[in-house]
C-alpha cells in the first residue's frame, strides 16, 4: 500500500522538480537521475511484485530524498531568497523517502 503512495509522491515531484531544475540548471542532474530510476523501479515493483525488486525500489526512493538535500544545500547557502520555490519539491521527496522506509516489512 505504501509503495502506491510513494509512486504518487514521486510522480508529483516531477512538476515541482522541473521548476527547480529550470532555475538551478544541471546541478540537479544527479538528483533527477535517481528520481527517474526510483520511479521506474517503483513501477516495476508494483507490476511484478515484491522480492528483491522492492528493496531496490526502496533504496532508490530513499536515495532520491537524500540526493535532493545534498544538491539543494549548496544553493540555499548562497541564494536563500529562492528557498520557497524549492520547499514543495523537498517536502515531496522527503515524504516519499519516509514512506519508503516505512514500507519495508519488519
C-alpha atoms as a PDB file:
ATOM      1  CA  UNK A   1       0.000   0.000   0.000  1.00  0.00           C
ATOM      2  CA  UNK A   2       2.791   2.434   0.887  1.00  0.00           C
ATOM      3  CA  UNK A   3       4.512   1.842  -2.441  1.00  0.00           C
ATOM      4  CA  UNK A   4       1.464   3.114  -4.343  1.00  0.00           C
ATOM      5  CA  UNK A   5       1.544   6.314  -2.274  1.00  0.00           C
ATOM      6  CA  UNK A   6       5.306   6.616  -2.779  1.00  0.00           C
ATOM      7  CA  UNK A   7       4.854   6.270  -6.548  1.00  0.00           C
ATOM      8  CA  UNK A   8       2.213   9.016  -6.464  1.00  0.00           C
ATOM      9  CA  UNK A   9       4.558  11.278  -4.483  1.00  0.00           C
ATOM     10  CA  UNK A  10       7.472  10.610  -6.836  1.00  0.00           C
ATOM     11  CA  UNK A  11       5.296  11.396  -9.839  1.00  0.00           C
ATOM     12  CA  UNK A  12       4.056  14.551  -8.089  1.00  0.00           C
ATOM     13  CA  UNK A  13       7.674  15.524  -7.569  1.00  0.00           C
ATOM     14  CA  UNK A  14       8.279  15.714 -11.313  1.00  0.00           C
ATOM     15  CA  UNK A  15       6.471  19.071 -11.923  1.00  0.00           C
ATOM     16  CA  UNK A  16       7.970  20.743  -8.865  1.00  0.00           C
ATOM     17  CA  UNK A  17      11.333  19.242  -9.719  1.00  0.00           C
ATOM     18  CA  UNK A  18      11.076  20.555 -13.268  1.00  0.00           C
ATOM     19  CA  UNK A  19      10.581  24.095 -11.976  1.00  0.00           C
ATOM     20  CA  UNK A  20      13.568  23.657  -9.680  1.00  0.00           C
ATOM     21  CA  UNK A  21      15.630  22.147 -12.497  1.00  0.00           C
ATOM     22  CA  UNK A  22      14.881  25.143 -14.721  1.00  0.00           C
ATOM     23  CA  UNK A  23      16.110  27.514 -12.025  1.00  0.00           C
ATOM     24  CA  UNK A  24      19.183  25.614 -10.864  1.00  0.00           C
ATOM     25  CA  UNK A  25      20.296  24.048 -14.132  1.00  0.00           C
ATOM     26  CA  UNK A  26      22.429  20.944 -14.481  1.00  0.00           C
ATOM     27  CA  UNK A  27      23.442  20.949 -10.814  1.00  0.00           C
ATOM     28  CA  UNK A  28      20.291  18.898 -10.182  1.00  0.00           C
ATOM     29  CA  UNK A  29      21.165  16.195 -12.736  1.00  0.00           C
ATOM     30  CA  UNK A  30      22.261  13.571 -10.149  1.00  0.00           C
ATOM     31  CA  UNK A  31      19.021  14.000  -8.203  1.00  0.00           C
ATOM     32  CA  UNK A  32      16.962  13.913 -11.392  1.00  0.00           C
ATOM     33  CA  UNK A  33      18.624  10.662 -12.461  1.00  0.00           C
ATOM     34  CA  UNK A  34      17.991   8.980  -9.116  1.00  0.00           C
ATOM     35  CA  UNK A  35      14.386  10.237  -9.123  1.00  0.00           C
ATOM     36  CA  UNK A  36      13.708   8.743 -12.570  1.00  0.00           C
ATOM     37  CA  UNK A  37      15.337   5.435 -11.580  1.00  0.00           C
ATOM     38  CA  UNK A  38      13.213   5.378  -8.403  1.00  0.00           C
ATOM     39  CA  UNK A  39      10.035   5.910 -10.412  1.00  0.00           C
ATOM     40  CA  UNK A  40      10.938   3.096 -12.812  1.00  0.00           C
ATOM     41  CA  UNK A  41      11.900   0.703 -10.003  1.00  0.00           C
ATOM     42  CA  UNK A  42       8.747   1.520  -8.035  1.00  0.00           C
ATOM     43  CA  UNK A  43       6.542   0.964 -11.074  1.00  0.00           C
ATOM     44  CA  UNK A  44       8.231  -2.363 -11.801  1.00  0.00           C
ATOM     45  CA  UNK A  45       7.913  -3.338  -8.143  1.00  0.00           C
ATOM     46  CA  UNK A  46       4.171  -2.687  -8.229  1.00  0.00           C
ATOM     47  CA  UNK A  47       3.725  -4.566 -11.516  1.00  0.00           C
ATOM     48  CA  UNK A  48       5.945  -7.555 -10.772  1.00  0.00           C
ATOM     49  CA  UNK A  49       5.501  -7.668  -7.026  1.00  0.00           C
ATOM     50  CA  UNK A  50       7.888  -7.766  -4.109  1.00  0.00           C
ATOM     51  CA  UNK A  51      11.099  -9.656  -3.649  1.00  0.00           C
ATOM     52  CA  UNK A  52      14.483  -8.085  -4.154  1.00  0.00           C
ATOM     53  CA  UNK A  53      12.952  -5.530  -6.518  1.00  0.00           C
ATOM     54  CA  UNK A  54      11.116  -3.987  -3.568  1.00  0.00           C
ATOM     55  CA  UNK A  55      14.381  -3.448  -1.703  1.00  0.00           C
ATOM     56  CA  UNK A  56      15.954  -1.884  -4.786  1.00  0.00           C
ATOM     57  CA  UNK A  57      12.956   0.433  -5.200  1.00  0.00           C
ATOM     58  CA  UNK A  58      13.050   1.442  -1.517  1.00  0.00           C
ATOM     59  CA  UNK A  59      16.795   2.109  -1.683  1.00  0.00           C
ATOM     60  CA  UNK A  60      16.358   4.330  -4.747  1.00  0.00           C
ATOM     61  CA  UNK A  61      13.428   6.143  -3.141  1.00  0.00           C
ATOM     62  CA  UNK A  62      15.495   6.943  -0.063  1.00  0.00           C
ATOM     63  CA  UNK A  63      18.451   7.967  -2.248  1.00  0.00           C
ATOM     64  CA  UNK A  64      16.142  10.329  -4.150  1.00  0.00           C
ATOM     65  CA  UNK A  65      15.350  12.091  -0.878  1.00  0.00           C
ATOM     66  CA  UNK A  66      18.984  12.225   0.200  1.00  0.00           C
ATOM     67  CA  UNK A  67      20.197  13.446  -3.186  1.00  0.00           C
ATOM     68  CA  UNK A  68      17.671  16.291  -3.138  1.00  0.00           C
ATOM     69  CA  UNK A  69      19.144  17.652   0.074  1.00  0.00           C
ATOM     70  CA  UNK A  70      22.756  17.203  -0.990  1.00  0.00           C
ATOM     71  CA  UNK A  71      22.051  19.088  -4.228  1.00  0.00           C
ATOM     72  CA  UNK A  72      19.928  21.844  -2.656  1.00  0.00           C
ATOM     73  CA  UNK A  73      22.026  22.800   0.369  1.00  0.00           C
ATOM     74  CA  UNK A  74      24.874  24.481  -1.562  1.00  0.00           C
ATOM     75  CA  UNK A  75      22.329  26.556  -3.496  1.00  0.00           C
ATOM     76  CA  UNK A  76      20.342  27.502  -0.407  1.00  0.00           C
ATOM     77  CA  UNK A  77      23.535  28.551   1.344  1.00  0.00           C
ATOM     78  CA  UNK A  78      24.312  31.038  -1.426  1.00  0.00           C
ATOM     79  CA  UNK A  79      20.839  32.124  -2.509  1.00  0.00           C
ATOM     80  CA  UNK A  80      18.294  31.947   0.295  1.00  0.00           C
ATOM     81  CA  UNK A  81      15.748  34.215  -1.441  1.00  0.00           C
ATOM     82  CA  UNK A  82      14.596  31.414  -3.740  1.00  0.00           C
ATOM     83  CA  UNK A  83      14.106  28.867  -0.913  1.00  0.00           C
ATOM     84  CA  UNK A  84      10.270  28.932  -1.088  1.00  0.00           C
ATOM     85  CA  UNK A  85      10.454  27.628  -4.649  1.00  0.00           C
ATOM     86  CA  UNK A  86      12.324  24.523  -3.514  1.00  0.00           C
ATOM     87  CA  UNK A  87      10.247  23.717  -0.436  1.00  0.00           C
ATOM     88  CA  UNK A  88       7.497  21.925  -2.374  1.00  0.00           C
ATOM     89  CA  UNK A  89       9.937  19.546  -4.027  1.00  0.00           C
ATOM     90  CA  UNK A  90      11.905  18.930  -0.840  1.00  0.00           C
ATOM     91  CA  UNK A  91       8.760  18.114   1.127  1.00  0.00           C
ATOM     92  CA  UNK A  92       7.512  15.765  -1.600  1.00  0.00           C
ATOM     93  CA  UNK A  93      10.702  13.723  -1.861  1.00  0.00           C
ATOM     94  CA  UNK A  94      11.106  13.695   1.929  1.00  0.00           C
ATOM     95  CA  UNK A  95       7.610  12.287   2.397  1.00  0.00           C
ATOM     96  CA  UNK A  96       8.335   9.692  -0.297  1.00  0.00           C
ATOM     97  CA  UNK A  97      11.566   8.645   1.450  1.00  0.00           C
ATOM     98  CA  UNK A  98       9.880   8.339   4.832  1.00  0.00           C
ATOM     99  CA  UNK A  99       7.021   6.244   3.442  1.00  0.00           C
ATOM    100  CA  UNK A 100       9.518   4.128   1.523  1.00  0.00           C
ATOM    101  CA  UNK A 101      11.336   3.313   4.754  1.00  0.00           C
ATOM    102  CA  UNK A 102       8.000   2.512   6.410  1.00  0.00           C
ATOM    103  CA  UNK A 103       7.037   0.138   3.593  1.00  0.00           C
ATOM    104  CA  UNK A 104       9.855  -2.322   4.313  1.00  0.00           C
ATOM    105  CA  UNK A 105       8.446  -5.329   6.182  1.00  0.00           C
ATOM    106  CA  UNK A 106       9.882  -5.905   9.632  1.00  0.00           C
END
